[in-house]
C-alpha cells in the first residue's frame, strides 16, 4: 500500500493472525472425538477444517469419518464438551505470533483502537487473550454467539466498531478501519464494511483463496504490519 493510512481502529481475526493455535485446536478436536467413541485424525487433516467457527470445525471433522452431524442425536452435547475441553486446554501449545506484542503496543501508542472479531467461542477467545496478557489492548471482543451472521458478513466487524465507539465516545469512519485476517472471509467482511484489508498469508486460511481477494496489504505474519504502518516512507 503506497498511501499512509490514517487509522482509527484495527480489527483482528484471532487464530492464524494473533495466535498460532493449531496444535491445541487439533488436540481438542481429537479429545472430543475419542471421548465420544470416534477415532483420532492427524494434525494435517483436522487443521484444514479450521475456519467458519467451532461448529463447522466439528461438523467437518465428523463428516471426514462419515458421520452426519445433522442426524447425530447428541451433537449439541459433543459441541459443548469440545468447547469446555478446549477452554481448559486452549494455551498449552498455543503461542503469540512474533511481533504481536510490539504491534499492539505501537497501535496503542499511536491512539489506534483495537478489537478481535473471531468465529471462536467468545469465552475461549477471552481466556486466550487474558492468558497472554494482551486483553487490555482490545476495546471490543466479538464472538459468534453475539451475531446472527458470521464472516464474510460484516455484522461482527460493525459490532466491534460500535462497541469501540461507545466505549471511547467517538465516531469511527469505515475507511479509517483496517481488518486483518488469514482467510478470504476476513477480507470479504472487511471490504463489505468499507474498511481497508490486510491478508496474513502464513495463517490457517486457504492461501490461494486469500490471495485471490486482493487485499490492500499482504503480509506473511501480522507482526509485519509495524513496518508497513509506522516505518517512515523513503
Protein backbone atom coordinates (compact mmCIF):
# COMPACT_ATOMS: atom_id res chain seq x y z
CA UNK A 1 0.00 0.00 0.00
CA UNK A 2 1.53 3.28 -1.11
CA UNK A 3 -0.54 5.77 0.88
CA UNK A 4 -0.20 6.12 4.63
CA UNK A 5 -3.35 5.02 6.42
CA UNK A 6 -4.87 7.39 8.94
CA UNK A 7 -6.32 4.61 11.09
CA UNK A 8 -8.78 4.90 13.94
CA UNK A 9 -9.20 1.17 14.53
CA UNK A 10 -7.71 -2.21 13.65
CA UNK A 11 -9.88 -5.33 13.80
CA UNK A 12 -8.09 -8.67 14.13
CA UNK A 13 -9.12 -12.23 13.50
CA UNK A 14 -7.61 -14.46 16.20
CA UNK A 15 -6.46 -17.89 15.03
CA UNK A 16 -3.67 -17.73 12.49
CA UNK A 17 -3.36 -13.97 12.99
CA UNK A 18 -2.64 -13.14 16.63
CA UNK A 19 -2.04 -16.69 17.84
CA UNK A 20 -0.63 -19.92 16.42
CA UNK A 21 -3.23 -22.19 17.96
CA UNK A 22 -3.29 -25.15 15.58
CA UNK A 23 -1.83 -27.75 17.92
CA UNK A 24 -4.31 -27.06 20.73
CA UNK A 25 -7.29 -26.93 18.36
CA UNK A 26 -6.40 -30.28 16.80
CA UNK A 27 -5.71 -31.87 20.18
CA UNK A 28 -9.08 -30.67 21.48
CA UNK A 29 -10.97 -31.96 18.44
CA UNK A 30 -9.29 -35.34 18.85
CA UNK A 31 -10.10 -35.34 22.57
CA UNK A 32 -13.77 -34.81 21.71
CA UNK A 33 -13.73 -37.46 19.00
CA UNK A 34 -12.20 -40.12 21.25
CA UNK A 35 -14.39 -39.18 24.22
CA UNK A 36 -17.47 -39.87 22.11
CA UNK A 37 -16.09 -43.11 20.68
CA UNK A 38 -14.68 -41.93 17.37
CA UNK A 39 -11.11 -42.18 16.16
CA UNK A 40 -8.41 -39.51 16.19
CA UNK A 41 -7.27 -37.84 12.97
CA UNK A 42 -3.82 -36.49 12.06
CA UNK A 43 -2.98 -32.81 12.52
CA UNK A 44 -2.77 -32.23 8.77
CA UNK A 45 -6.34 -33.47 8.32
CA UNK A 46 -8.07 -31.52 11.09
CA UNK A 47 -6.18 -28.26 10.60
CA UNK A 48 -7.73 -27.96 7.14
CA UNK A 49 -11.16 -27.87 8.76
CA UNK A 50 -10.41 -24.74 10.80
CA UNK A 51 -12.48 -21.72 9.76
CA UNK A 52 -16.08 -20.51 10.00
CA UNK A 53 -16.35 -21.34 13.69
CA UNK A 54 -16.09 -24.28 16.08
CA UNK A 55 -19.35 -25.91 14.98
CA UNK A 56 -18.20 -26.09 11.37
CA UNK A 57 -14.82 -27.41 12.52
CA UNK A 58 -16.54 -30.26 14.35
CA UNK A 59 -19.05 -30.89 11.56
CA UNK A 60 -16.21 -31.23 9.05
CA UNK A 61 -14.21 -33.47 11.37
CA UNK A 62 -17.20 -35.77 11.85
CA UNK A 63 -18.05 -35.72 8.15
CA UNK A 64 -14.48 -36.85 7.37
CA UNK A 65 -15.31 -40.01 9.32
CA UNK A 66 -18.62 -40.43 7.53
CA UNK A 67 -20.74 -39.11 10.40
CA UNK A 68 -23.57 -36.69 9.61
CA UNK A 69 -23.76 -34.13 12.42
CA UNK A 70 -27.33 -33.21 11.43
CA UNK A 71 -28.57 -36.71 12.20
CA UNK A 72 -26.26 -37.20 15.19
CA UNK A 73 -28.58 -37.28 18.25
CA UNK A 74 -26.05 -35.76 20.65
CA UNK A 75 -24.21 -33.20 18.51
CA UNK A 76 -25.04 -30.35 20.91
CA UNK A 77 -23.51 -32.38 23.75
CA UNK A 78 -20.49 -33.13 21.55
CA UNK A 79 -20.09 -29.42 20.78
CA UNK A 80 -20.46 -28.33 24.41
CA UNK A 81 -17.94 -30.92 25.53
CA UNK A 82 -15.43 -29.71 22.93
CA UNK A 83 -15.84 -26.06 23.95
CA UNK A 84 -15.40 -26.87 27.65
CA UNK A 85 -12.35 -29.04 26.99
CA UNK A 86 -10.77 -26.52 24.64
CA UNK A 87 -11.36 -23.66 27.09
CA UNK A 88 -9.33 -25.62 29.68
CA UNK A 89 -6.57 -26.58 27.21
CA UNK A 90 -6.51 -23.58 24.88
CA UNK A 91 -3.00 -22.36 25.67
CA UNK A 92 -0.94 -25.47 26.27
CA UNK A 93 0.94 -25.27 22.97
CA UNK A 94 -0.56 -22.07 21.56
CA UNK A 95 1.81 -19.11 21.20
CA UNK A 96 1.56 -15.49 20.14
CA UNK A 97 2.98 -14.88 16.69
CA UNK A 98 6.24 -12.97 16.58
CA UNK A 99 5.81 -9.21 16.70
CA UNK A 100 2.24 -9.14 18.02
CA UNK A 101 3.22 -7.55 21.34
CA UNK A 102 5.18 -4.84 19.53
CA UNK A 103 2.34 -4.20 17.07
CA UNK A 104 -0.28 -3.85 19.80
CA UNK A 105 1.96 -1.55 21.84
CA UNK A 106 2.60 0.64 18.81
CA UNK A 107 -1.08 0.86 17.90
CA UNK A 108 -1.91 1.86 21.47
CA UNK A 109 0.84 4.48 21.50
CA UNK A 110 -0.48 5.94 18.24
CA UNK A 111 -4.04 6.10 19.56
CA UNK A 112 -5.39 3.38 17.28
CA UNK A 113 -8.10 1.29 18.94
CA UNK A 114 -8.14 -2.49 18.55
CA UNK A 115 -10.73 -5.26 18.59
CA UNK A 116 -10.88 -9.00 17.99
CA UNK A 117 -13.57 -10.45 15.73
CA UNK A 118 -13.33 -14.23 15.80
CA UNK A 119 -15.52 -17.21 15.00
CA UNK A 120 -14.04 -18.96 18.04
CA UNK A 121 -16.39 -19.27 21.06
CA UNK A 122 -16.26 -15.97 22.92
CA UNK A 123 -15.37 -17.47 26.30
CA UNK A 124 -12.37 -19.23 24.80
CA UNK A 125 -11.19 -16.11 22.98
CA UNK A 126 -11.34 -14.07 26.19
CA UNK A 127 -9.46 -16.79 28.08
CA UNK A 128 -6.67 -16.83 25.50
CA UNK A 129 -6.28 -13.05 25.39
CA UNK A 130 -6.12 -13.00 29.18
CA UNK A 131 -3.59 -15.86 29.25
CA UNK A 132 -1.19 -13.92 27.04
CA UNK A 133 -1.82 -10.66 28.94
CA UNK A 134 -2.97 -8.82 25.82
CA UNK A 135 -6.66 -8.47 26.73
CA UNK A 136 -6.15 -4.87 27.85
CA UNK A 137 -5.21 -3.84 24.30
CA UNK A 138 -8.70 -4.60 22.96
CA UNK A 139 -11.71 -2.33 23.40
CA UNK A 140 -14.01 -4.99 21.98
CA UNK A 141 -14.01 -8.77 21.60
CA UNK A 142 -16.71 -10.22 19.35
CA UNK A 143 -17.65 -13.88 19.02
CA UNK A 144 -20.25 -15.84 17.05
CA UNK A 145 -22.69 -16.01 19.98
CA UNK A 146 -23.33 -12.28 19.60
CA UNK A 147 -24.18 -12.47 15.91
CA UNK A 148 -26.85 -13.70 13.55
CA UNK A 149 -24.34 -13.86 10.67
CA UNK A 150 -20.61 -14.57 10.89
CA UNK A 151 -17.88 -13.54 8.44
CA UNK A 152 -17.92 -12.96 5.46
CA UNK A 153 -20.91 -10.93 6.62
CA UNK A 154 -19.64 -7.67 8.16
CA UNK A 155 -22.03 -7.85 11.14
CA UNK A 156 -19.28 -8.81 13.60
CA UNK A 157 -16.97 -6.09 12.37
CA UNK A 158 -19.73 -3.50 12.60
CA UNK A 159 -20.50 -4.61 16.15
CA UNK A 160 -16.83 -4.30 17.12
CA UNK A 161 -16.69 -0.77 15.69
CA UNK A 162 -19.87 0.24 17.52
CA UNK A 163 -18.52 -1.15 20.82
CA UNK A 164 -15.32 0.87 20.40
CA UNK A 165 -17.36 3.97 19.57
CA UNK A 166 -19.48 3.53 22.67
CA UNK A 167 -16.53 2.87 24.99
CA UNK A 168 -14.39 5.69 23.63
CA UNK A 169 -17.22 8.12 22.83
CA UNK A 170 -16.01 8.64 19.27
CA UNK A 171 -17.27 8.16 15.71
CA UNK A 172 -15.28 5.77 13.54
CA UNK A 173 -15.27 6.08 9.77
CA UNK A 174 -15.09 2.69 7.97
CA UNK A 175 -12.36 3.88 5.59
CA UNK A 176 -10.20 4.50 8.67
CA UNK A 177 -10.55 0.89 9.83
CA UNK A 178 -8.21 -1.99 8.94
CA UNK A 179 -9.38 -5.61 9.04
CA UNK A 180 -6.56 -8.15 9.49
CA UNK A 181 -7.27 -11.80 8.76
CA UNK A 182 -5.88 -15.03 7.33
CA UNK A 183 -8.92 -16.16 5.36
CA UNK A 184 -10.83 -14.98 2.34
CA UNK A 185 -13.90 -14.45 4.52
CA UNK A 186 -11.99 -11.97 6.69
CA UNK A 187 -11.10 -9.90 3.65
CA UNK A 188 -14.63 -10.12 2.26
CA UNK A 189 -16.07 -8.96 5.59
CA UNK A 190 -13.64 -6.06 5.79
CA UNK A 191 -14.44 -4.95 2.27
CA UNK A 192 -18.18 -5.22 2.93
CA UNK A 193 -17.73 -2.92 5.92
CA UNK A 194 -15.90 -0.40 3.74
CA UNK A 195 -12.63 -0.92 5.60
CA UNK A 196 -9.08 -1.43 4.40
CA UNK A 197 -7.95 -5.06 4.48
CA UNK A 198 -4.79 -6.97 5.34
CA UNK A 199 -4.22 -10.61 4.35
CA UNK A 200 -1.98 -12.72 6.60
CA UNK A 201 -0.71 -15.47 4.33
CA UNK A 202 1.00 -17.81 6.80
CA UNK A 203 -2.07 -18.40 8.97
CA UNK A 204 -4.59 -21.26 8.72
CA UNK A 205 -6.74 -19.99 5.85
CA UNK A 206 -6.65 -21.25 2.29
CA UNK A 207 -3.74 -19.23 0.88
CA UNK A 208 -4.92 -19.36 -2.74
CA UNK A 209 -8.43 -18.14 -1.89
CA UNK A 210 -6.97 -15.50 0.42
CA UNK A 211 -4.66 -14.05 -2.22
CA UNK A 212 -7.49 -14.09 -4.78
CA UNK A 213 -9.26 -11.45 -2.67
CA UNK A 214 -6.52 -8.89 -3.48
CA UNK A 215 -6.36 -7.35 -0.02
CA UNK A 216 -4.92 -3.85 0.31
CA UNK A 217 -1.99 -5.17 2.35
CA UNK A 218 -0.42 -8.64 2.20
CA UNK A 219 1.98 -9.86 4.90
CA UNK A 220 3.18 -13.31 5.99
CA UNK A 221 2.56 -12.50 9.67
CA UNK A 222 0.51 -9.75 11.33
CA UNK A 223 3.56 -8.52 13.24
CA UNK A 224 4.96 -7.27 9.93
CA UNK A 225 2.34 -4.52 9.98
CA UNK A 226 4.57 -2.48 12.29
CA UNK A 227 6.93 -1.86 9.38
CA UNK A 228 4.16 -1.08 6.93
CA UNK A 229 2.00 1.16 9.10
CA UNK A 230 4.62 3.03 11.09
CA UNK A 231 8.02 2.96 9.41
CA UNK A 232 8.91 6.20 7.57
CA UNK A 233 8.50 6.06 3.80
CA UNK A 234 11.73 6.52 1.83
